[in-house]
Amino acid sequence: MTDPIEAMARAIEHELHVEDGWEVGTPQLRAMCNDFAITAYNALRESLEPVGWLYTHPDDPFPPSVTSQRHDPGDFYLMAKRGWTETPCYTIPEIDQ
């Protein structure tokens, strides 16, 4: 799977042309496209709602648990006191395939 940032940066760079005044193929342009891609990717991810939650515990012998429904905050408060962590999971269907 291609790194989504790299794929977005390549797509942005592909749309820039010499005729428009861009110095295509330069490291400076590549770095600028990468910066744009990082900004766009982060903004897109921040605008999404989580589609699941990952629950992990450092001492749990089982694999991490991913659920589509978030634990009740009161229940999770008790889980967190016992060492569990909760991480929201996002997906961007056009990118994370």
PDB file of N, CA and C in Angstrom:
ATOM      1  N   MET A   1       0.838  -1.176   0.000  1.00  0.00           N
ATOM      2  CA  MET A   1       0.000   0.000   0.000  1.00  0.00           C
ATOM      3  C   MET A   1       0.886   1.244   0.000  1.00  0.00           C
ATOM      4  N   THR A   2       0.526   2.173  -0.816  1.00  0.00           N
ATOM      5  CA  THR A   2       1.270   3.424  -0.906  1.00  0.00           C
ATOM      6  C   THR A   2       0.947   4.304   0.294  1.00  0.00           C
ATOM      7  N   ASP A   3       1.961   4.963   0.793  1.00  0.00           N
ATOM      8  CA  ASP A   3       1.776   5.928   1.870  1.00  0.00           C
ATOM      9  C   ASP A   3       0.834   7.021   1.366  1.00  0.00           C
ATOM     10  N   PRO A   4      -0.266   7.310   2.103  1.00  0.00           N
ATOM     11  CA  PRO A   4      -1.237   8.295   1.595  1.00  0.00           C
ATOM     12  C   PRO A   4      -0.653   9.684   1.405  1.00  0.00           C
ATOM     13  N   ILE A   5       0.272  10.089   2.260  1.00  0.00           N
ATOM     14  CA  ILE A   5       0.888  11.414   2.115  1.00  0.00           C
ATOM     15  C   ILE A   5       1.687  11.463   0.815  1.00  0.00           C
ATOM     16  N   GLU A   6       2.460  10.415   0.575  1.00  0.00           N
ATOM     17  CA  GLU A   6       3.276  10.350  -0.638  1.00  0.00           C
ATOM     18  C   GLU A   6       2.384  10.356  -1.881  1.00  0.00           C
ATOM     19  N   ALA A   7       1.292   9.596  -1.841  1.00  0.00           N
ATOM     20  CA  ALA A   7       0.378   9.534  -2.980  1.00  0.00           C
ATOM     21  C   ALA A   7      -0.257  10.891  -3.249  1.00  0.00           C
ATOM     22  N   MET A   8      -0.663  11.580  -2.182  1.00  0.00           N
ATOM     23  CA  MET A   8      -1.261  12.904  -2.354  1.00  0.00           C
ATOM     24  C   MET A   8      -0.231  13.895  -2.886  1.00  0.00           C
ATOM     25  N   ALA A   9       0.982  13.845  -2.376  1.00  0.00           N
ATOM     26  CA  ALA A   9       2.035  14.756  -2.836  1.00  0.00           C
ATOM     27  C   ALA A   9       2.318  14.543  -4.319  1.00  0.00           C
ATOM     28  N   ARG A  10       2.384  13.268  -4.746  1.00  0.00           N
ATOM     29  CA  ARG A  10       2.617  12.976  -6.164  1.00  0.00           C
ATOM     30  C   ARG A  10       1.467  13.493  -7.027  1.00  0.00           C
ATOM     31  N   ALA A  11       0.236  13.342  -6.533  1.00  0.00           N
ATOM     32  CA  ALA A  11      -0.928  13.816  -7.287  1.00  0.00           C
ATOM     33  C   ALA A  11      -0.904  15.335  -7.427  1.00  0.00           C
ATOM     34  N   ILE A  12      -0.535  16.026  -6.354  1.00  0.00           N
ATOM     35  CA  ILE A  12      -0.441  17.489  -6.412  1.00  0.00           C
ATOM     36  C   ILE A  12       0.646  17.892  -7.396  1.00  0.00           C
ATOM     37  N   GLU A  13       1.813  17.268  -7.285  1.00  0.00           N
ATOM     38  CA  GLU A  13       2.930  17.619  -8.173  1.00  0.00           C
ATOM     39  C   GLU A  13       2.585  17.325  -9.631  1.00  0.00           C
ATOM     40  N   HIS A  14       1.846  16.268  -9.863  1.00  0.00           N
ATOM     41  CA  HIS A  14       1.466  15.881 -11.226  1.00  0.00           C
ATOM     42  C   HIS A  14       0.616  16.964 -11.900  1.00  0.00           C
ATOM     43  N   GLU A  15      -0.129  17.736 -11.097  1.00  0.00           N
ATOM     44  CA  GLU A  15      -1.004  18.770 -11.640  1.00  0.00           C
ATOM     45  C   GLU A  15      -0.283  20.094 -11.903  1.00  0.00           C
ATOM     46  N   LEU A  16       0.969  20.210 -11.511  1.00  0.00           N
ATOM     47  CA  LEU A  16       1.731  21.444 -11.709  1.00  0.00           C
ATOM     48  C   LEU A  16       2.565  21.313 -12.986  1.00  0.00           C
ATOM     49  N   HIS A  17       2.527  22.317 -13.824  1.00  0.00           N
ATOM     50  CA  HIS A  17       3.171  22.227 -15.132  1.00  0.00           C
ATOM     51  C   HIS A  17       4.126  23.386 -15.377  1.00  0.00           C
ATOM     52  N   VAL A  18       5.136  23.134 -16.210  1.00  0.00           N
ATOM     53  CA  VAL A  18       6.123  24.153 -16.581  1.00  0.00           C
ATOM     54  C   VAL A  18       5.419  25.346 -17.212  1.00  0.00           C
ATOM     55  N   GLU A  19       4.396  25.082 -18.020  1.00  0.00           N
ATOM     56  CA  GLU A  19       3.686  26.159 -18.705  1.00  0.00           C
ATOM     57  C   GLU A  19       3.051  27.140 -17.720  1.00  0.00           C
ATOM     58  N   ASP A  20       2.774  26.689 -16.532  1.00  0.00           N
ATOM     59  CA  ASP A  20       2.175  27.541 -15.503  1.00  0.00           C
ATOM     60  C   ASP A  20       3.224  28.233 -14.631  1.00  0.00           C
ATOM     61  N   GLY A  21       4.487  28.026 -14.957  1.00  0.00           N
ATOM     62  CA  GLY A  21       5.556  28.698 -14.227  1.00  0.00           C
ATOM     63  C   GLY A  21       6.187  27.882 -13.105  1.00  0.00           C
ATOM     64  N   TRP A  22       5.814  26.612 -12.975  1.00  0.00           N
ATOM     65  CA  TRP A  22       6.388  25.766 -11.915  1.00  0.00           C
ATOM     66  C   TRP A  22       7.698  25.160 -12.398  1.00  0.00           C
ATOM     67  N   GLU A  23       8.660  25.065 -11.506  1.00  0.00           N
ATOM     68  CA  GLU A  23       9.919  24.381 -11.812  1.00  0.00           C
ATOM     69  C   GLU A  23       9.746  22.914 -11.455  1.00  0.00           C
ATOM     70  N   VAL A  24       9.149  22.180 -12.374  1.00  0.00           N
ATOM     71  CA  VAL A  24       8.805  20.787 -12.098  1.00  0.00           C
ATOM     72  C   VAL A  24      10.056  19.934 -11.942  1.00  0.00           C
ATOM     73  N   GLY A  25       9.922  18.888 -11.112  1.00  0.00           N
ATOM     74  CA  GLY A  25      11.011  17.946 -10.907  1.00  0.00           C
ATOM     75  C   GLY A  25      12.081  18.412  -9.933  1.00  0.00           C
ATOM     76  N   THR A  26      11.894  19.538  -9.286  1.00  0.00           N
ATOM     77  CA  THR A  26      12.913  20.034  -8.357  1.00  0.00           C
ATOM     78  C   THR A  26      12.624  19.540  -6.938  1.00  0.00           C
ATOM     79  N   PRO A  27      13.658  19.391  -6.142  1.00  0.00           N
ATOM     80  CA  PRO A  27      13.448  18.998  -4.742  1.00  0.00           C
ATOM     81  C   PRO A  27      12.598  20.014  -3.970  1.00  0.00           C
ATOM     82  N   GLN A  28      12.724  21.298  -4.313  1.00  0.00           N
ATOM     83  CA  GLN A  28      11.948  22.327  -3.635  1.00  0.00           C
ATOM     84  C   GLN A  28      10.454  22.155  -3.912  1.00  0.00           C
ATOM     85  N   LEU A  29      10.096  21.880  -5.168  1.00  0.00           N
ATOM     86  CA  LEU A  29       8.696  21.674  -5.513  1.00  0.00           C
ATOM     87  C   LEU A  29       8.177  20.401  -4.848  1.00  0.00           C
ATOM     88  N   ARG A  30       8.986  19.369  -4.844  1.00  0.00           N
ATOM     89  CA  ARG A  30       8.582  18.111  -4.203  1.00  0.00           C
ATOM     90  C   ARG A  30       8.325  18.333  -2.713  1.00  0.00           C
ATOM     91  N   ALA A  31       9.180  19.098  -2.053  1.00  0.00           N
ATOM     92  CA  ALA A  31       9.000  19.385  -0.624  1.00  0.00           C
ATOM     93  C   ALA A  31       7.740  20.211  -0.392  1.00  0.00           C
ATOM     94  N   MET A  32       7.478  21.199  -1.268  1.00  0.00           N
ATOM     95  CA  MET A  32       6.279  22.015  -1.134  1.00  0.00           C
ATOM     96  C   MET A  32       5.027  21.143  -1.302  1.00  0.00           C
ATOM     97  N   CYS A  33       5.030  20.253  -2.281  1.00  0.00           N
ATOM     98  CA  CYS A  33       3.882  19.371  -2.505  1.00  0.00           C
ATOM     99  C   CYS A  33       3.680  18.445  -1.305  1.00  0.00           C
ATOM    100  N   ASN A  34       4.768  17.978  -0.731  1.00  0.00           N
ATOM    101  CA  ASN A  34       4.673  17.121   0.448  1.00  0.00           C
ATOM    102  C   ASN A  34       4.063  17.892   1.616  1.00  0.00           C
ATOM    103  N   ASP A  35       4.484  19.154   1.795  1.00  0.00           N
ATOM    104  CA  ASP A  35       3.909  19.990   2.860  1.00  0.00           C
ATOM    105  C   ASP A  35       2.414  20.205   2.636  1.00  0.00           C
ATOM    106  N   PHE A  36       2.027  20.479   1.387  1.00  0.00           N
ATOM    107  CA  PHE A  36       0.603  20.637   1.067  1.00  0.00           C
ATOM    108  C   PHE A  36      -0.160  19.356   1.370  1.00  0.00           C
ATOM    109  N   ALA A  37       0.416  18.223   1.000  1.00  0.00           N
ATOM    110  CA  ALA A  37      -0.252  16.933   1.210  1.00  0.00           C
ATOM    111  C   ALA A  37      -0.440  16.646   2.692  1.00  0.00           C
ATOM    112  N   ILE A  38       0.565  16.925   3.493  1.00  0.00           N
ATOM    113  CA  ILE A  38       0.463  16.702   4.941  1.00  0.00           C
ATOM    114  C   ILE A  38      -0.651  17.569   5.522  1.00  0.00           C
ATOM    115  N   THR A  39      -0.686  18.831   5.128  1.00  0.00           N
ATOM    116  CA  THR A  39      -1.711  19.747   5.628  1.00  0.00           C
ATOM    117  C   THR A  39      -3.107  19.282   5.209  1.00  0.00           C
ATOM    118  N   ALA A  40      -3.262  18.918   3.947  1.00  0.00           N
ATOM    119  CA  ALA A  40      -4.568  18.478   3.448  1.00  0.00           C
ATOM    120  C   ALA A  40      -5.006  17.181   4.115  1.00  0.00           C
ATOM    121  N   TYR A  41      -4.098  16.238   4.240  1.00  0.00           N
ATOM    122  CA  TYR A  41      -4.418  14.940   4.845  1.00  0.00           C
ATOM    123  C   TYR A  41      -4.842  15.112   6.305  1.00  0.00           C
ATOM    124  N   ASN A  42      -4.096  15.920   7.054  1.00  0.00           N
ATOM    125  CA  ASN A  42      -4.438  16.139   8.460  1.00  0.00           C
ATOM    126  C   ASN A  42      -5.771  16.857   8.610  1.00  0.00           C
ATOM    127  N   ALA A  43      -6.028  17.840   7.760  1.00  0.00           N
ATOM    128  CA  ALA A  43      -7.311  18.553   7.820  1.00  0.00           C
ATOM    129  C   ALA A  43      -8.462  17.611   7.511  1.00  0.00           C
ATOM    130  N   LEU A  44      -8.273  16.751   6.525  1.00  0.00           N
ATOM    131  CA  LEU A  44      -9.323  15.799   6.164  1.00  0.00           C
ATOM    132  C   LEU A  44      -9.587  14.823   7.297  1.00  0.00           C
ATOM    133  N   ARG A  45      -8.538  14.290   7.892  1.00  0.00           N
ATOM    134  CA  ARG A  45      -8.713  13.331   8.981  1.00  0.00           C
ATOM    135  C   ARG A  45      -9.372  13.985  10.200  1.00  0.00           C
ATOM    136  N   GLU A  46      -9.022  15.226  10.493  1.00  0.00           N
ATOM    137  CA  GLU A  46      -9.611  15.912  11.641  1.00  0.00           C
ATOM    138  C   GLU A  46     -11.086  16.204  11.439  1.00  0.00           C
ATOM    139  N   SER A  47     -11.517  16.264  10.181  1.00  0.00           N
ATOM    140  CA  SER A  47     -12.920  16.571   9.909  1.00  0.00           C
ATOM    141  C   SER A  47     -13.806  15.333   9.978  1.00  0.00           C
ATOM    142  N   LEU A  48     -13.206  14.169  10.077  1.00  0.00           N
ATOM    143  CA  LEU A  48     -13.968  12.921  10.096  1.00  0.00           C
ATOM    144  C   LEU A  48     -14.363  12.520  11.505  1.00  0.00           C
ATOM    145  N   GLU A  49     -15.448  11.809  11.590  1.00  0.00           N
ATOM    146  CA  GLU A  49     -15.850  11.203  12.852  1.00  0.00           C
ATOM    147  C   GLU A  49     -15.185   9.829  12.935  1.00  0.00           C
ATOM    148  N   PRO A  50     -14.820   9.379  14.123  1.00  0.00           N
ATOM    149  CA  PRO A  50     -14.256   8.034  14.242  1.00  0.00           C
ATOM    150  C   PRO A  50     -15.261   6.984  13.776  1.00  0.00           C
ATOM    151  N   VAL A  51     -14.741   5.950  13.144  1.00  0.00           N
ATOM    152  CA  VAL A  51     -15.599   4.840  12.726  1.00  0.00           C
ATOM    153  C   VAL A  51     -15.426   3.640  13.658  1.00  0.00           C
ATOM    154  N   GLY A  52     -14.490   3.749  14.578  1.00  0.00           N
ATOM    155  CA  GLY A  52     -14.261   2.681  15.537  1.00  0.00           C
ATOM    156  C   GLY A  52     -13.301   3.157  16.602  1.00  0.00           C
ATOM    157  N   TRP A  53     -13.113   2.310  17.593  1.00  0.00           N
ATOM    158  CA  TRP A  53     -12.201   2.638  18.691  1.00  0.00           C
ATOM    159  C   TRP A  53     -11.347   1.427  18.988  1.00  0.00           C
ATOM    160  N   LEU A  54     -10.075   1.683  19.213  1.00  0.00           N
ATOM    161  CA  LEU A  54      -9.110   0.644  19.542  1.00  0.00           C
ATOM    162  C   LEU A  54      -8.850   0.718  21.041  1.00  0.00           C
ATOM    163  N   TYR A  55      -9.034  -0.405  21.711  1.00  0.00           N
ATOM    164  CA  TYR A  55      -8.784  -0.488  23.147  1.00  0.00           C
ATOM    165  C   TYR A  55      -7.596  -1.414  23.375  1.00  0.00           C
ATOM    166  N   THR A  56      -6.585  -0.890  24.060  1.00  0.00           N
ATOM    167  CA  THR A  56      -5.383  -1.681  24.325  1.00  0.00           C
ATOM    168  C   THR A  56      -5.020  -1.607  25.802  1.00  0.00           C
ATOM    169  N   HIS A  57      -4.335  -2.642  26.221  1.00  0.00           N
ATOM    170  CA  HIS A  57      -3.827  -2.701  27.592  1.00  0.00           C
ATOM    171  C   HIS A  57      -2.454  -3.350  27.518  1.00  0.00           C
ATOM    172  N   PRO A  58      -1.434  -2.762  28.150  1.00  0.00           N
ATOM    173  CA  PRO A  58      -0.075  -3.290  28.031  1.00  0.00           C
ATOM    174  C   PRO A  58       0.082  -4.706  28.581  1.00  0.00           C
ATOM    175  N   ASP A  59      -0.753  -5.113  29.523  1.00  0.00           N
ATOM    176  CA  ASP A  59      -0.606  -6.436  30.130  1.00  0.00           C
ATOM    177  C   ASP A  59      -1.598  -7.461  29.589  1.00  0.00           C
ATOM    178  N   ASP A  60      -2.433  -7.058  28.615  1.00  0.00           N
ATOM    179  CA  ASP A  60      -3.442  -7.964  28.087  1.00  0.00           C
ATOM    180  C   ASP A  60      -2.786  -8.953  27.127  1.00  0.00           C
ATOM    181  N   PRO A  61      -2.921 -10.278  27.364  1.00  0.00           N
ATOM    182  CA  PRO A  61      -2.288 -11.264  26.483  1.00  0.00           C
ATOM    183  C   PRO A  61      -3.014 -11.395  25.138  1.00  0.00           C
ATOM    184  N   PHE A  62      -4.210 -10.842  25.022  1.00  0.00           N
ATOM    185  CA  PHE A  62      -4.989 -10.949  23.793  1.00  0.00           C
ATOM    186  C   PHE A  62      -4.678  -9.773  22.874  1.00  0.00           C
ATOM    187  N   PRO A  63      -4.976  -9.929  21.583  1.00  0.00           N
ATOM    188  CA  PRO A  63      -4.751  -8.801  20.663  1.00  0.00           C
ATOM    189  C   PRO A  63      -5.614  -7.614  21.050  1.00  0.00           C
ATOM    190  N   PRO A  64      -5.223  -6.412  20.617  1.00  0.00           N
ATOM    191  CA  PRO A  64      -6.035  -5.227  20.913  1.00  0.00           C
ATOM    192  C   PRO A  64      -7.457  -5.407  20.400  1.00  0.00           C
ATOM    193  N   SER A  65      -8.396  -4.766  21.056  1.00  0.00           N
ATOM    194  CA  SER A  65      -9.805  -4.867  20.711  1.00  0.00           C
ATOM    195  C   SER A  65     -10.223  -3.638  19.924  1.00  0.00           C
ATOM    196  N   VAL A  66     -10.858  -3.860  18.766  1.00  0.00           N
ATOM    197  CA  VAL A  66     -11.402  -2.771  17.971  1.00  0.00           C
ATOM    198  C   VAL A  66     -12.909  -2.941  17.944  1.00  0.00           C
ATOM    199  N   THR A  67     -13.619  -1.878  18.295  1.00  0.00           N
ATOM    200  CA  THR A  67     -15.077  -1.937  18.288  1.00  0.00           C
ATOM    201  C   THR A  67     -15.636  -0.794  17.463  1.00  0.00           C
ATOM    202  N   SER A  68     -16.838  -0.989  16.939  1.00  0.00           N
ATOM    203  CA  SER A  68     -17.477   0.080  16.174  1.00  0.00           C
ATOM    204  C   SER A  68     -18.294   0.990  17.076  1.00  0.00           C
ATOM    205  N   GLN A  69     -18.510   0.568  18.315  1.00  0.00           N
ATOM    206  CA  GLN A  69     -19.229   1.407  19.278  1.00  0.00           C
ATOM    207  C   GLN A  69     -18.294   1.755  20.424  1.00  0.00           C
ATOM    208  N   ARG A  70     -18.299   3.022  20.772  1.00  0.00           N
ATOM    209  CA  ARG A  70     -17.421   3.492  21.841  1.00  0.00           C
ATOM    210  C   ARG A  70     -17.976   3.050  23.195  1.00  0.00           C
ATOM    211  N   HIS A  71     -17.055   2.692  24.087  1.00  0.00           N
ATOM    212  CA  HIS A  71     -17.458   2.370  25.450  1.00  0.00           C
ATOM    213  C   HIS A  71     -18.032   3.611  26.118  1.00  0.00           C
ATOM    214  N   ASP A  72     -18.985   3.404  26.979  1.00  0.00           N
ATOM    215  CA  ASP A  72     -19.562   4.505  27.758  1.00  0.00           C
ATOM    216  C   ASP A  72     -18.428   5.223  28.493  1.00  0.00           C
ATOM    217  N   PRO A  73     -18.402   6.577  28.445  1.00  0.00           N
ATOM    218  CA  PRO A  73     -17.312   7.305  29.120  1.00  0.00           C
ATOM    219  C   PRO A  73     -17.136   6.926  30.587  1.00  0.00           C
ATOM    220  N   GLY A  74     -18.234   6.660  31.296  1.00  0.00           N
ATOM    221  CA  GLY A  74     -18.109   6.249  32.694  1.00  0.00           C
ATOM    222  C   GLY A  74     -17.421   4.905  32.827  1.00  0.00           C
ATOM    223  N   ASP A  75     -17.779   3.966  31.943  1.00  0.00           N
ATOM    224  CA  ASP A  75     -17.115   2.658  31.950  1.00  0.00           C
ATOM    225  C   ASP A  75     -15.647   2.809  31.572  1.00  0.00           C
ATOM    226  N   PHE A  76     -15.387   3.651  30.552  1.00  0.00           N
ATOM    227  CA  PHE A  76     -14.001   3.798  30.125  1.00  0.00           C
ATOM    228  C   PHE A  76     -13.161   4.461  31.203  1.00  0.00           C
ATOM    229  N   TYR A  77     -13.749   5.336  31.980  1.00  0.00           N
ATOM    230  CA  TYR A  77     -13.017   5.955  33.083  1.00  0.00           C
ATOM    231  C   TYR A  77     -12.476   4.861  34.002  1.00  0.00           C
ATOM    232  N   LEU A  78     -13.309   3.866  34.301  1.00  0.00           N
ATOM    233  CA  LEU A  78     -12.860   2.754  35.143  1.00  0.00           C
ATOM    234  C   LEU A  78     -11.822   1.908  34.414  1.00  0.00           C
ATOM    235  N   MET A  79     -12.020   1.719  33.108  1.00  0.00           N
ATOM    236  CA  MET A  79     -11.037   0.957  32.325  1.00  0.00           C
ATOM    237  C   MET A  79      -9.686   1.678  32.321  1.00  0.00           C
ATOM    238  N   ALA A  80      -9.718   2.995  32.138  1.00  0.00           N
ATOM    239  CA  ALA A  80      -8.479   3.777  32.091  1.00  0.00           C
ATOM    240  C   ALA A  80      -7.739   3.694  33.422  1.00  0.00           C
ATOM    241  N   LYS A  81      -8.491   3.661  34.510  1.00  0.00           N
ATOM    242  CA  LYS A  81      -7.850   3.536  35.820  1.00  0.00           C
ATOM    243  C   LYS A  81      -7.141   2.189  35.950  1.00  0.00           C
ATOM    244  N   ARG A  82      -7.574   1.192  35.171  1.00  0.00           N
ATOM    245  CA  ARG A  82      -6.934  -0.126  35.202  1.00  0.00           C
ATOM    246  C   ARG A  82      -5.878  -0.279  34.101  1.00  0.00           C
ATOM    247  N   GLY A  83      -5.561   0.810  33.385  1.00  0.00           N
ATOM    248  CA  GLY A  83      -4.466   0.781  32.416  1.00  0.00           C
ATOM    249  C   GLY A  83      -4.857   0.679  30.952  1.00  0.00           C
ATOM    250  N   TRP A  84      -6.141   0.697  30.646  1.00  0.00           N
ATOM    251  CA  TRP A  84      -6.572   0.623  29.257  1.00  0.00           C
ATOM    252  C   TRP A  84      -6.429   1.982  28.582  1.00  0.00           C
ATOM    253  N   THR A  85      -6.139   1.956  27.286  1.00  0.00           N
ATOM    254  CA  THR A  85      -6.121   3.187  26.495  1.00  0.00           C
ATOM    255  C   THR A  85      -7.141   3.061  25.372  1.00  0.00           C
ATOM    256  N   GLU A  86      -7.695   4.194  24.977  1.00  0.00           N
ATOM    257  CA  GLU A  86      -8.687   4.250  23.906  1.00  0.00           C
ATOM    258  C   GLU A  86      -8.129   5.138  22.796  1.00  0.00           C
ATOM    259  N   THR A  87      -8.138   4.627  21.575  1.00  0.00           N
ATOM    260  CA  THR A  87      -7.665   5.378  20.431  1.00  0.00           C
ATOM    261  C   THR A  87      -8.751   5.378  19.364  1.00  0.00           C
ATOM    262  N   PRO A  88      -9.203   6.566  18.904  1.00  0.00           N
ATOM    263  CA  PRO A  88     -10.196   6.581  17.837  1.00  0.00           C
ATOM    264  C   PRO A  88      -9.576   6.092  16.530  1.00  0.00           C
ATOM    265  N   CYS A  89     -10.364   5.377  15.740  1.00  0.00           N
ATOM    266  CA  CYS A  89      -9.921   4.861  14.443  1.00  0.00           C
ATOM    267  C   CYS A  89     -10.693   5.585  13.343  1.00  0.00           C
ATOM    268  N   TYR A  90      -9.979   6.019  12.338  1.00  0.00           N
ATOM    269  CA  TYR A  90     -10.574   6.747  11.214  1.00  0.00           C
ATOM    270  C   TYR A  90     -10.282   5.981   9.926  1.00  0.00           C
ATOM    271  N   THR A  91     -11.068   6.239   8.941  1.00  0.00           N
ATOM    272  CA  THR A  91     -10.769   5.716   7.621  1.00  0.00           C
ATOM    273  C   THR A  91     -11.147   6.747   6.595  1.00  0.00           C
ATOM    274  N   ILE A  92     -10.379   6.788   5.548  1.00  0.00           N
ATOM    275  CA  ILE A  92     -10.687   7.633   4.406  1.00  0.00           C
ATOM    276  C   ILE A  92     -10.776   6.666   3.236  1.00  0.00           C
ATOM    277  N   PRO A  93     -11.989   6.261   2.833  1.00  0.00           N
ATOM    278  CA  PRO A  93     -12.127   5.210   1.832  1.00  0.00           C
ATOM    279  C   PRO A  93     -11.321   5.412   0.566  1.00  0.00           C
ATOM    280  N   GLU A  94     -11.205   6.653   0.084  1.00  0.00           N
ATOM    281  CA  GLU A  94     -10.455   6.907  -1.157  1.00  0.00           C
ATOM    282  C   GLU A  94      -8.959   6.700  -0.964  1.00  0.00           C
ATOM    283  N   ILE A  95      -8.470   6.778   0.264  1.00  0.00           N
ATOM    284  CA  ILE A  95      -7.025   6.696   0.512  1.00  0.00           C
ATOM    285  C   ILE A  95      -6.638   5.404   1.206  1.00  0.00           C
ATOM    286  N   ASP A  96      -7.370   5.012   2.227  1.00  0.00           N
ATOM    287  CA  ASP A  96      -6.975   3.881   3.071  1.00  0.00           C
ATOM    288  C   ASP A  96      -7.494   2.545   2.538  1.00  0.00           C
ATOM    289  N   GLN A  97      -7.339   2.306   1.259  1.00  0.00           N
ATOM    290  CA  GLN A  97      -7.799   1.027   0.704  1.00  0.00           C
ATOM    291  C   GLN A  97      -6.643   0.090   0.528  1.00  0.00           C
TER     292      GLN A  97
END
